[in-house]
N, C-alpha and C. Protein backbone atom coordinates (compact mmCIF):
# COMPACT_ATOMS: atom_id res chain seq x y z
N LEU A 1 0.66 -1.24 0.02
CA LEU A 1 -0.06 -0.16 0.13
C LEU A 1 0.82 1.09 -0.26
N LEU A 2 0.50 2.30 -0.42
CA LEU A 2 1.22 3.66 -0.52
C LEU A 2 0.96 4.15 0.58
N PRO A 3 1.76 4.88 1.02
CA PRO A 3 1.62 5.60 2.28
C PRO A 3 0.57 6.70 2.03
N ARG A 4 -0.35 7.25 2.87
CA ARG A 4 -1.07 8.19 2.95
C ARG A 4 -0.59 9.34 2.94
N GLN A 5 -1.01 10.24 1.77
CA GLN A 5 -0.53 11.86 2.07
C GLN A 5 -0.71 12.62 3.14
N ILE A 6 -0.02 13.35 3.40
CA ILE A 6 0.12 14.08 4.68
C ILE A 6 -0.49 15.27 4.34
N PRO A 7 -1.75 15.81 5.01
CA PRO A 7 -2.35 17.03 4.55
C PRO A 7 -1.27 17.90 4.87
N VAL A 8 -1.68 19.13 3.94
CA VAL A 8 -0.62 20.42 3.82
C VAL A 8 -0.81 20.85 5.51
N CYS A 9 -2.08 21.15 5.98
CA CYS A 9 -2.22 21.69 7.37
C CYS A 9 -1.43 21.16 8.18
N THR A 10 -1.30 19.81 8.19
CA THR A 10 -0.87 18.82 9.20
C THR A 10 0.73 19.15 8.98
N MET A 11 1.17 19.06 7.68
CA MET A 11 2.83 19.31 7.51
C MET A 11 3.00 20.94 8.03
N LEU A 12 2.33 21.84 7.99
CA LEU A 12 2.74 23.25 8.29
C LEU A 12 2.32 23.32 9.94
N ARG A 13 1.64 22.61 10.59
CA ARG A 13 1.76 22.29 12.04
C ARG A 13 3.08 21.68 12.67
N PHE A 14 3.59 20.61 11.61
CA PHE A 14 4.56 20.22 12.03
C PHE A 14 6.08 20.84 12.01
N CYS A 15 5.90 21.81 10.67
CA CYS A 15 6.91 22.60 10.62
C CYS A 15 7.20 23.79 11.59
N LEU A 16 6.10 24.11 12.04
CA LEU A 16 5.76 25.10 13.11
C LEU A 16 6.11 25.07 14.58
N LEU A 17 6.05 23.08 14.83
CA LEU A 17 6.33 22.86 16.05
C LEU A 17 8.00 22.67 16.01
N LEU A 18 8.49 22.12 14.76
CA LEU A 18 9.93 22.19 14.64
C LEU A 18 10.49 23.62 14.82
N LEU A 19 9.84 24.61 14.24
CA LEU A 19 10.59 25.84 14.37
C LEU A 19 10.44 26.43 16.02
N VAL A 20 9.36 26.22 16.71
CA VAL A 20 9.53 26.77 18.19
C VAL A 20 10.24 25.72 18.66
N LEU A 21 10.44 24.44 18.76
CA LEU A 21 11.66 23.59 19.39
C LEU A 21 12.91 24.21 19.13
N PHE A 22 12.90 24.82 17.72
CA PHE A 22 14.37 25.23 17.33
C PHE A 22 14.77 26.36 17.88
N VAL A 23 13.73 27.36 18.10
CA VAL A 23 13.92 28.60 18.89
C VAL A 23 14.08 28.49 20.21
N VAL A 24 13.46 27.65 21.06
CA VAL A 24 13.74 27.37 22.49
C VAL A 24 14.83 26.85 22.61
N ALA A 25 15.35 25.68 22.02
CA ALA A 25 16.65 25.05 22.30
C ALA A 25 17.77 26.54 21.94
N ASP A 26 17.56 27.29 21.07
CA ASP A 26 18.79 28.05 20.55
C ASP A 26 18.55 29.19 21.90
N ALA A 27 17.54 29.28 22.46
CA ALA A 27 17.40 30.57 23.58
C ALA A 27 17.94 29.94 24.83
N GLN A 28 17.68 28.42 24.96
CA GLN A 28 18.41 28.13 26.10
C GLN A 28 20.11 27.94 26.13
N THR A 29 20.40 27.65 24.77
CA THR A 29 21.95 27.61 24.41
C THR A 29 22.19 28.76 24.68
N THR A 30 21.46 30.10 23.99
CA THR A 30 22.20 31.45 24.17
C THR A 30 22.11 32.06 26.06
N ARG A 31 21.22 31.71 26.85
CA ARG A 31 21.05 31.64 28.00
C ARG A 31 22.01 30.94 28.81
N CYS A 32 22.35 30.09 28.35
CA CYS A 32 23.52 29.02 29.07
C CYS A 32 24.80 29.66 28.45
N CYS A 33 25.03 30.48 27.50
CA CYS A 33 26.23 30.96 27.19
C CYS A 33 26.49 32.36 27.87
N ALA A 34 25.55 32.84 27.68
CA ALA A 34 25.19 34.47 28.33
C ALA A 34 25.93 34.16 30.08
N LYS A 35 25.06 33.00 30.74
CA LYS A 35 25.42 33.02 31.97
C LYS A 35 26.65 32.35 32.40
N THR A 36 27.18 31.58 31.17
CA THR A 36 28.56 31.29 31.59
C THR A 36 29.68 32.60 31.66
N GLN A 37 29.42 33.07 30.29
CA GLN A 37 29.92 34.56 30.17
C GLN A 37 29.99 35.63 31.21
N ALA A 38 28.90 35.93 31.85
CA ALA A 38 28.45 36.63 33.05
C ALA A 38 29.17 36.20 34.26
N ASN A 39 29.24 35.06 34.64
CA ASN A 39 30.04 34.00 35.75
C ASN A 39 31.53 34.65 35.47
N GLY A 40 32.18 34.27 34.38
CA GLY A 40 33.51 34.57 33.88
C GLY A 40 33.61 36.22 34.30
N ILE A 41 33.10 37.01 34.02
CA ILE A 41 33.08 38.31 34.28
C ILE A 41 33.42 38.68 35.50
N ILE A 42 32.19 38.21 36.13
CA ILE A 42 32.18 38.18 37.67
C ILE A 42 33.15 38.06 38.23
N SER A 43 33.92 36.85 37.91
CA SER A 43 34.99 36.16 38.69
C SER A 43 36.02 37.10 38.42
N GLN A 44 36.50 37.42 37.24
CA GLN A 44 37.55 38.40 36.90
C GLN A 44 37.35 39.56 37.98
N LEU A 45 36.37 40.43 37.62
CA LEU A 45 35.95 41.46 38.70
C LEU A 45 36.21 41.16 40.24
N ASN A 46 36.33 39.83 40.62
CA ASN A 46 36.44 39.42 41.97
C ASN A 46 37.82 39.21 42.21
N ARG A 47 38.82 38.87 41.15
CA ARG A 47 39.82 38.52 41.37
C ARG A 47 40.91 40.07 41.27
N LEU A 48 39.92 40.75 40.34
CA LEU A 48 40.86 42.35 40.14
C LEU A 48 40.38 43.04 41.50
N THR A 49 39.38 42.99 42.10
CA THR A 49 39.05 43.24 43.65
C THR A 49 40.23 43.18 44.61
N SER A 50 40.31 41.45 44.38
CA SER A 50 41.12 41.29 45.58
C SER A 50 42.66 41.45 45.10
N MET A 51 43.08 41.81 44.11
CA MET A 51 44.19 42.15 43.73
C MET A 51 44.59 43.48 43.93
N THR A 52 43.28 44.63 43.79
CA THR A 52 43.38 45.90 44.28
C THR A 52 43.69 46.05 45.85
N ASN A 53 43.05 45.17 46.58
CA ASN A 53 42.74 45.09 47.78
C ASN A 53 44.47 44.82 48.55
N SER A 54 44.54 43.70 48.02
CA SER A 54 46.14 43.72 48.39
C SER A 54 47.14 44.56 47.88
N ALA A 55 47.05 44.98 46.82
CA ALA A 55 47.92 46.24 46.41
C ALA A 55 47.89 47.55 47.56
N ASN A 56 46.71 47.97 47.95
CA ASN A 56 46.43 48.91 48.61
C ASN A 56 46.94 48.67 50.04
N LYS A 57 46.78 47.34 50.65
CA LYS A 57 47.31 46.67 52.04
C LYS A 57 48.70 47.06 51.65
N MET A 58 49.49 46.42 50.59
CA MET A 58 51.04 46.66 50.67
C MET A 58 51.42 48.12 50.55
N LEU A 59 50.67 49.11 49.99
CA LEU A 59 51.08 50.54 49.95
C LEU A 59 50.98 51.08 51.23
N ALA A 60 49.78 50.49 52.06
CA ALA A 60 49.96 51.16 53.05
C ALA A 60 50.84 50.49 54.18
N SER A 61 51.32 49.61 53.92
CA SER A 61 52.15 48.95 54.88
C SER A 61 53.75 49.48 54.51
N ILE A 62 53.92 49.98 53.18
CA ILE A 62 55.16 50.41 52.73
C ILE A 62 54.99 52.26 53.49
N LYS A 63 53.86 52.34 53.25
CA LYS A 63 54.03 54.17 53.94
C LYS A 63 53.74 54.11 55.18
N LYS A 64 53.76 52.86 56.10
CA LYS A 64 53.88 52.72 57.61
C LYS A 64 55.23 52.69 57.86
N GLN A 65 55.89 51.72 57.01
CA GLN A 65 57.44 51.60 57.11
C GLN A 65 58.04 52.94 57.14
N LEU A 66 57.82 53.76 56.19
CA LEU A 66 58.62 54.84 55.63
C LEU A 66 58.32 56.12 56.46
N VAL A 67 56.99 56.06 57.25
CA VAL A 67 56.76 57.27 57.94
C VAL A 67 58.07 58.02 58.43
N TYR A 68 59.09 57.27 59.10
CA TYR A 68 59.88 57.78 59.85
C TYR A 68 61.06 58.27 58.89
N ALA A 69 61.19 57.90 57.84
CA ALA A 69 62.13 58.07 56.61
C ALA A 69 61.23 59.38 55.53
N MET A 70 60.30 59.77 55.62
CA MET A 70 59.81 60.35 54.97
C MET A 70 59.76 62.26 55.80
N ALA A 71 59.94 62.95 55.07
CA ALA A 71 60.07 64.70 55.68
C ALA A 71 58.97 65.05 54.89
N HIS A 72 58.75 66.09 55.71
CA HIS A 72 57.84 67.28 55.06
C HIS A 72 58.86 68.65 54.69
N GLN A 73 58.92 68.83 53.64
CA GLN A 73 59.86 69.97 53.36
C GLN A 73 59.33 71.43 53.24
N TYR A 74 59.89 72.38 53.76
CA TYR A 74 59.35 73.78 53.71
C TYR A 74 60.25 74.50 53.04
N TYR A 75 60.29 75.19 51.63
CA TYR A 75 60.90 76.17 51.14
C TYR A 75 60.70 77.22 51.49
N ILE A 76 61.61 78.38 52.15
CA ILE A 76 61.64 79.74 52.67
C ILE A 76 62.76 80.49 52.04
N TYR A 77 62.25 81.46 51.50
CA TYR A 77 63.30 82.52 50.99
C TYR A 77 62.77 83.78 51.33
N ARG A 78 63.65 84.81 51.01
CA ARG A 78 63.40 86.31 50.81
C ARG A 78 63.32 86.73 49.51
N SER A 79 62.32 87.55 49.02
CA SER A 79 62.29 87.96 47.50
C SER A 79 63.33 88.57 47.16
N CYS A 80 63.72 88.66 45.92
CA CYS A 80 65.24 89.40 45.43
C CYS A 80 64.51 91.27 45.21
N ARG A 81 63.24 91.10 44.74
CA ARG A 81 62.89 92.44 44.24
C ARG A 81 61.74 92.96 45.35
N ALA A 82 61.39 94.44 45.07
CA ALA A 82 60.16 94.84 46.08
C ALA A 82 59.08 94.24 45.14
N PRO A 83 57.93 94.26 46.05
CA PRO A 83 57.83 94.12 47.62
C PRO A 83 58.46 93.23 48.23
N TYR A 84 59.48 93.49 48.96
CA TYR A 84 60.40 92.08 49.68
C TYR A 84 59.31 91.46 50.63
N VAL A 85 59.44 90.19 50.62
CA VAL A 85 58.67 89.67 51.60
C VAL A 85 59.45 88.25 51.91
N TYR A 86 59.11 87.42 52.97
CA TYR A 86 59.42 86.03 53.48
C TYR A 86 58.25 85.13 52.99
N ASN A 87 58.95 84.47 52.02
CA ASN A 87 57.71 83.24 51.83
C ASN A 87 58.32 81.87 52.04
N VAL A 88 57.11 81.21 52.69
CA VAL A 88 57.42 79.67 53.17
C VAL A 88 56.22 78.89 52.54
N ILE A 89 56.87 78.10 51.80
CA ILE A 89 56.00 77.14 50.74
C ILE A 89 56.08 75.75 51.32
N ALA A 90 55.09 75.21 51.63
CA ALA A 90 54.88 73.75 52.25
C ALA A 90 55.04 72.80 50.87
N MET A 91 56.31 72.12 51.09
CA MET A 91 56.24 71.17 49.40
C MET A 91 55.55 69.81 49.73
N PHE A 92 54.51 69.56 50.22
CA PHE A 92 53.49 68.72 50.71
C PHE A 92 52.15 69.21 50.87
N LYS A 93 51.49 68.05 50.61
CA LYS A 93 49.83 68.42 50.99
C LYS A 93 49.68 68.74 52.67
N ASN A 94 49.55 69.94 52.75
CA ASN A 94 49.73 70.41 54.42
C ASN A 94 48.28 69.96 55.10
N SER A 95 48.02 69.16 56.07
CA SER A 95 46.90 69.13 56.70
C SER A 95 46.72 70.54 57.63
N ARG A 96 47.65 71.41 57.71
CA ARG A 96 47.09 72.54 58.47
C ARG A 96 46.25 73.34 57.44
N GLY A 97 46.25 73.34 56.37
CA GLY A 97 45.23 73.84 55.74
C GLY A 97 45.77 74.83 54.65
N TRP A 98 47.31 75.71 54.82
CA TRP A 98 47.95 76.30 54.24
C TRP A 98 49.33 75.72 53.29
N GLN A 99 49.07 76.18 52.11
CA GLN A 99 50.26 75.85 51.40
C GLN A 99 51.56 76.89 51.17
N TYR A 100 51.11 78.25 51.45
CA TYR A 100 52.25 78.96 51.29
C TYR A 100 51.93 80.20 52.27
N ILE A 101 53.07 80.90 53.05
CA ILE A 101 52.64 81.97 53.95
C ILE A 101 53.71 83.31 53.08
N ASN A 102 52.98 84.23 52.76
CA ASN A 102 53.64 85.69 52.68
C ASN A 102 53.76 86.92 53.63
N ILE A 103 54.93 87.17 54.44
CA ILE A 103 55.08 88.47 54.90
C ILE A 103 56.02 89.06 54.89
N PRO A 104 55.44 90.23 54.79
CA PRO A 104 56.34 91.69 54.23
C PRO A 104 57.38 91.51 55.53
N TRP A 105 58.72 91.53 54.63
CA TRP A 105 60.02 91.50 55.64
C TRP A 105 60.20 92.52 56.54
N ASN A 106 59.49 93.90 56.30
CA ASN A 106 59.83 94.84 57.27
C ASN A 106 58.70 95.23 58.08
N LYS A 107 57.76 94.30 58.22
CA LYS A 107 56.71 94.53 59.24
C LYS A 107 56.55 93.03 60.04
N ASN A 108 56.21 93.40 61.34
CA ASN A 108 56.16 92.30 62.38
C ASN A 108 54.54 92.14 62.76
N GLY A 109 54.60 90.61 63.22
CA GLY A 109 53.11 90.32 63.66
C GLY A 109 52.82 89.15 62.54
N ARG A 110 51.57 88.64 62.80
CA ARG A 110 51.21 87.25 62.29
C ARG A 110 50.62 87.94 60.77
N SER A 111 51.12 86.93 59.84
CA SER A 111 50.61 86.84 58.44
C SER A 111 49.32 86.66 58.49
N THR A 112 48.56 86.90 57.45
CA THR A 112 47.02 87.35 56.79
C THR A 112 46.38 86.02 57.54
N GLY A 113 47.23 84.77 57.31
CA GLY A 113 46.16 83.43 57.50
C GLY A 113 46.39 83.29 58.87
N GLY A 114 47.50 83.80 59.54
CA GLY A 114 47.60 83.54 61.11
C GLY A 114 48.28 82.44 61.34
N ASN A 115 49.11 81.86 60.29
CA ASN A 115 49.98 80.62 60.43
C ASN A 115 51.49 81.15 60.45
N GLY A 116 51.73 82.43 60.13
CA GLY A 116 53.21 83.18 60.31
C GLY A 116 53.35 84.00 61.10
N TRP A 117 54.57 84.26 61.42
CA TRP A 117 54.68 85.36 62.61
C TRP A 117 56.17 85.69 62.32
N VAL A 118 56.15 87.34 62.28
CA VAL A 118 57.76 88.31 62.37
C VAL A 118 58.19 89.02 63.71
N SER A 119 58.87 88.76 64.42
CA SER A 119 59.14 89.59 65.39
C SER A 119 59.50 90.99 65.27
N LYS A 120 59.52 91.71 66.29
CA LYS A 120 59.74 93.15 66.22
C LYS A 120 60.74 93.64 65.35
N ASP A 121 61.93 92.97 65.93
CA ASP A 121 63.27 93.33 65.15
C ASP A 121 63.25 92.74 63.82
N ARG A 122 62.21 91.78 63.47
CA ARG A 122 62.33 91.40 62.05
C ARG A 122 63.49 90.36 61.71
N LYS A 123 64.01 89.59 62.70
CA LYS A 123 65.26 89.18 62.83
C LYS A 123 64.69 87.30 62.85
N GLU A 124 63.35 87.26 63.31
CA GLU A 124 62.86 85.73 63.86
C GLU A 124 61.61 85.70 62.83
N LEU A 125 61.39 84.58 62.38
CA LEU A 125 60.32 83.87 61.43
C LEU A 125 59.67 83.00 62.35
N GLN A 126 58.60 82.59 62.61
CA GLN A 126 58.04 81.39 62.76
C GLN A 126 56.69 81.23 62.19
N PHE A 127 56.46 79.75 62.08
CA PHE A 127 54.96 79.33 61.37
C PHE A 127 54.92 77.91 61.98
N THR A 128 53.59 77.77 61.62
CA THR A 128 53.12 76.28 62.30
C THR A 128 53.47 75.40 61.32
N LEU A 129 53.75 74.13 61.67
CA LEU A 129 53.97 73.08 61.22
C LEU A 129 53.11 71.54 61.19
N ASP A 130 53.12 70.73 60.37
CA ASP A 130 52.14 69.96 59.89
C ASP A 130 52.06 68.97 61.11
N LYS A 131 51.08 68.40 61.12
CA LYS A 131 50.67 67.49 62.70
C LYS A 131 51.81 66.52 62.45
N GLY A 132 52.52 65.95 63.48
CA GLY A 132 53.63 65.04 63.90
C GLY A 132 54.99 65.64 63.96
N TYR A 133 54.81 66.27 62.74
CA TYR A 133 56.50 66.86 62.24
C TYR A 133 56.90 67.81 62.95
N TRP A 134 58.00 67.86 64.22
CA TRP A 134 58.25 68.69 64.64
C TRP A 134 59.84 68.79 65.15
N ASN A 135 60.23 67.64 64.65
CA ASN A 135 61.86 67.13 64.55
C ASN A 135 62.59 67.70 63.23
N CYS A 136 63.48 68.87 63.43
CA CYS A 136 63.33 69.81 62.05
C CYS A 136 64.76 69.99 62.13
N GLY A 137 65.46 70.17 60.91
CA GLY A 137 66.56 70.54 60.41
C GLY A 137 66.70 71.63 59.43
N ILE A 138 67.77 72.69 59.17
CA ILE A 138 67.68 73.51 58.01
C ILE A 138 68.69 73.16 57.16
N PHE A 139 68.50 73.20 56.19
CA PHE A 139 69.51 73.00 54.84
C PHE A 139 69.56 74.06 53.93
N SER A 140 70.68 74.41 53.68
CA SER A 140 71.05 75.76 52.64
C SER A 140 70.88 74.88 51.36
N VAL A 141 70.20 76.06 50.66
CA VAL A 141 69.81 75.81 49.66
C VAL A 141 70.66 76.73 48.39
N GLU A 142 70.55 78.03 48.65
CA GLU A 142 71.33 78.95 47.56
C GLU A 142 71.39 80.41 48.14
N ASP A 143 72.70 80.69 48.60
CA ASP A 143 72.72 81.61 49.39
C ASP A 143 74.38 82.60 48.58
N ASP A 144 74.78 82.23 47.86
CA ASP A 144 75.78 82.90 47.30
C ASP A 144 77.06 82.36 48.01
N ASN A 145 77.00 82.56 49.16
CA ASN A 145 78.69 82.50 49.97
C ASN A 145 78.18 82.57 51.40
N ILE A 146 79.11 82.30 52.29
CA ILE A 146 78.94 82.28 53.74
C ILE A 146 79.25 83.72 54.09
N ASN A 147 78.10 84.12 55.00
CA ASN A 147 77.70 85.59 55.24
C ASN A 147 77.95 85.58 56.99
N PRO A 148 78.65 85.65 57.70
CA PRO A 148 78.46 85.75 59.10
C PRO A 148 77.52 86.82 59.46
N ALA A 149 76.67 87.35 58.92
CA ALA A 149 75.77 88.49 59.14
C ALA A 149 74.56 87.72 59.33
N TYR A 150 74.31 86.67 58.63
CA TYR A 150 73.05 85.44 58.36
C TYR A 150 73.60 84.22 59.10
N ASP A 151 73.27 84.33 60.46
CA ASP A 151 73.56 83.25 61.18
C ASP A 151 72.32 82.45 61.74
N HIS A 152 71.61 81.36 60.90
CA HIS A 152 70.43 81.08 61.50
C HIS A 152 70.50 80.13 62.67
N HIS A 153 69.63 80.14 63.46
CA HIS A 153 69.43 79.37 64.58
C HIS A 153 67.99 78.72 64.42
N LEU A 154 67.88 77.32 64.52
CA LEU A 154 66.34 76.82 64.72
C LEU A 154 65.94 76.44 65.87
N ALA A 155 64.78 76.80 66.36
CA ALA A 155 64.29 75.98 67.32
C ALA A 155 62.80 75.25 66.73
N THR A 156 62.41 74.22 67.31
CA THR A 156 60.92 73.72 66.89
C THR A 156 60.34 73.60 68.41
N ASP A 157 58.68 73.42 68.25
CA ASP A 157 57.96 73.26 69.58
C ASP A 157 56.86 72.13 69.19
N ALA A 158 56.62 71.48 69.93
CA ALA A 158 55.45 70.58 69.96
C ALA A 158 54.10 71.27 70.02
N GLY A 159 53.79 72.38 70.56
CA GLY A 159 52.78 73.02 70.79
C GLY A 159 52.51 73.83 72.02
N ASN A 160 53.34 73.60 73.08
CA ASN A 160 53.14 73.80 74.47
C ASN A 160 53.80 75.50 74.26
N ASN A 161 54.49 75.41 73.70
CA ASN A 161 55.41 76.95 73.64
C ASN A 161 55.31 77.61 72.69
N CYS A 162 54.17 77.51 71.57
CA CYS A 162 54.17 78.65 70.52
C CYS A 162 53.15 79.35 70.71
N LYS A 163 53.69 80.27 71.23
CA LYS A 163 52.64 81.58 72.16
C LYS A 163 51.99 82.44 70.95
N ASN A 164 52.66 82.22 69.78
CA ASN A 164 52.32 83.35 68.90
C ASN A 164 51.12 82.65 67.88
N PHE A 165 50.98 81.59 68.48
CA PHE A 165 49.79 80.76 67.75
C PHE A 165 48.77 80.53 68.57
N LYS A 166 48.23 80.92 69.73
CA LYS A 166 47.57 80.59 70.46
C LYS A 166 46.00 80.24 70.00
N GLY A 167 45.74 79.45 70.59
CA GLY A 167 44.16 79.11 70.22
C GLY A 167 44.31 77.91 68.84
N LEU A 168 45.37 77.68 68.10
CA LEU A 168 45.85 76.85 67.06
C LEU A 168 45.94 75.50 67.34
N LYS A 169 46.39 75.34 68.56
CA LYS A 169 46.77 74.02 69.01
C LYS A 169 47.73 73.45 68.07
N THR A 170 48.93 73.85 67.73
CA THR A 170 49.71 73.20 66.50
C THR A 170 51.35 73.34 67.10
N HIS A 171 51.97 72.71 66.59
CA HIS A 171 53.71 72.75 66.42
C HIS A 171 54.05 73.99 65.41
N CYS A 172 55.13 74.34 66.10
CA CYS A 172 55.71 75.38 65.31
C CYS A 172 57.27 75.41 65.01
N ALA A 173 57.93 76.25 64.14
CA ALA A 173 58.90 76.16 63.99
C ALA A 173 59.61 77.80 64.36
N LYS A 174 60.98 78.06 64.78
CA LYS A 174 61.29 79.60 64.95
C LYS A 174 62.54 79.24 64.35
N ILE A 175 62.96 80.30 63.61
CA ILE A 175 64.06 80.53 62.80
C ILE A 175 64.38 81.98 63.09
N ARG A 176 65.72 82.11 63.57
CA ARG A 176 66.19 83.25 64.09
C ARG A 176 67.66 83.68 63.60
N ASN A 177 67.77 84.96 62.86
CA ASN A 177 69.17 85.45 62.78
C ASN A 177 69.91 85.86 64.06
N ALA A 178 70.99 85.23 64.14
CA ALA A 178 71.71 85.42 65.60
C ALA A 178 72.78 86.25 64.92
N GLY A 179 73.05 86.55 63.91
CA GLY A 179 74.20 87.62 63.26
C GLY A 179 73.79 88.66 63.58
N SER A 180 74.26 89.54 62.66
CA SER A 180 74.46 91.21 62.90
C SER A 180 73.69 91.91 61.58
N GLY A 181 73.38 90.74 60.64
CA GLY A 181 72.60 91.44 59.53
C GLY A 181 71.28 91.64 59.74
N SER A 182 70.47 92.58 59.02
CA SER A 182 69.28 93.37 59.04
C SER A 182 68.48 91.94 58.70
N GLY A 183 67.21 91.79 59.41
CA GLY A 183 66.17 91.05 59.16
C GLY A 183 66.63 89.54 59.34
N LEU A 184 65.64 88.48 58.88
CA LEU A 184 66.10 87.22 59.06
C LEU A 184 67.18 86.44 57.98
N MET A 185 67.00 87.12 56.86
CA MET A 185 67.56 86.48 55.58
C MET A 185 68.12 88.05 54.62
N ASN A 186 69.28 87.88 53.92
CA ASN A 186 69.72 88.60 52.70
C ASN A 186 68.57 88.51 51.84
N ALA A 187 68.46 89.51 50.91
CA ALA A 187 67.65 89.36 49.74
C ALA A 187 67.91 88.21 48.93
N CYS A 188 66.93 87.58 48.29
CA CYS A 188 67.25 86.31 47.23
C CYS A 188 67.74 85.11 48.12
N GLU A 189 68.30 85.26 49.24
CA GLU A 189 68.34 83.87 50.29
C GLU A 189 67.53 83.07 50.10
N GLU A 190 67.91 81.71 50.51
CA GLU A 190 66.71 80.48 50.11
C GLU A 190 67.29 79.36 51.17
N ILE A 191 66.50 78.94 51.88
CA ILE A 191 66.58 77.82 52.68
C ILE A 191 65.69 77.21 52.92
N ILE A 192 65.85 75.45 53.30
CA ILE A 192 64.96 74.44 53.16
C ILE A 192 65.03 74.05 54.67
N LEU A 193 63.47 73.85 55.32
CA LEU A 193 63.38 73.37 56.50
C LEU A 193 62.75 71.93 56.27
N ARG A 194 63.51 70.97 56.85
CA ARG A 194 63.27 69.48 56.72
C ARG A 194 62.70 68.71 58.01
N CYS A 195 61.41 68.59 57.92
CA CYS A 195 60.80 68.03 59.23
C CYS A 195 60.73 66.32 59.34
N TYR A 196 60.67 65.80 60.32
CA TYR A 196 60.26 64.34 60.53
C TYR A 196 59.50 63.94 61.77
N GLN A 197 58.77 62.93 61.33
CA GLN A 197 58.35 62.35 62.56
C GLN A 197 59.05 61.22 63.49
N ILE A 198 58.94 61.19 64.62
CA ILE A 198 59.66 60.02 65.24
C ILE A 198 58.90 59.26 66.16
N PRO A 199 59.66 58.07 66.28
CA PRO A 199 58.57 57.09 67.18
C PRO A 199 58.44 57.21 68.25
N ARG A 200 57.35 56.98 69.08
CA ARG A 200 56.72 57.38 70.34
C ARG A 200 57.32 56.27 71.16
N THR A 201 57.49 54.92 70.45
CA THR A 201 57.77 54.08 71.22
C THR A 201 58.98 53.30 71.01
N MET A 202 59.60 52.17 71.60
CA MET A 202 60.89 51.51 71.39
C MET A 202 60.24 50.24 70.97
N LYS A 203 60.73 49.83 69.86
CA LYS A 203 60.44 48.39 69.32
C LYS A 203 61.33 47.50 68.93
N GLY A 204 61.55 46.11 68.91
CA GLY A 204 62.31 45.64 68.21
C GLY A 204 63.29 45.13 69.34
N LYS A 205 64.45 44.56 69.09
CA LYS A 205 65.42 43.67 69.97
C LYS A 205 66.42 45.12 70.56
N ALA A 206 66.45 44.97 71.85
CA ALA A 206 67.76 46.26 72.24
C ALA A 206 68.90 45.63 72.08
N GLY A 207 69.61 46.85 72.13
CA GLY A 207 71.18 46.64 71.77
C GLY A 207 71.73 46.73 72.66
């Protein structure tokens, strides 16, 4: 017997069913692949986050280890031309809130922002220091030659004797010309003040 012919409508239904099954299968495959890709991306992001956290911890540890080796530097100079001023520039991000101080060399008293001070004889300059950094030394930058008339002496204070900055609760530096020259510095003279933190407790093995 010859097989019976399949009605056209039945064939169409069958083809439509196959098409629906194909679409569903393709969607399942696509969803599976997309999920796999998403999981891979999430895994990579998690690894990147972990690496970033590890790097930040390492940097924090290095910074902690170097805290006593890192200096806060102040560039101090007297301008070469009028109007003559003493300039103090913090060469770091200063938590005191100021980055530079300008004080006329021929006036005394506190600076405009209140963080600098010049004595009545104009031979002493004082200014506030950043938190924790009050162990300092003066370094020569450029003053052409040794001039006995400008003999700089330095004192720093943790805060209890910074009388010219009452109310600020801050450390301060005091630089004075102990020589016979007029004012703190000669015109165009420059110096660096370099300050460090020091450990509060003794650690490690005793010598």
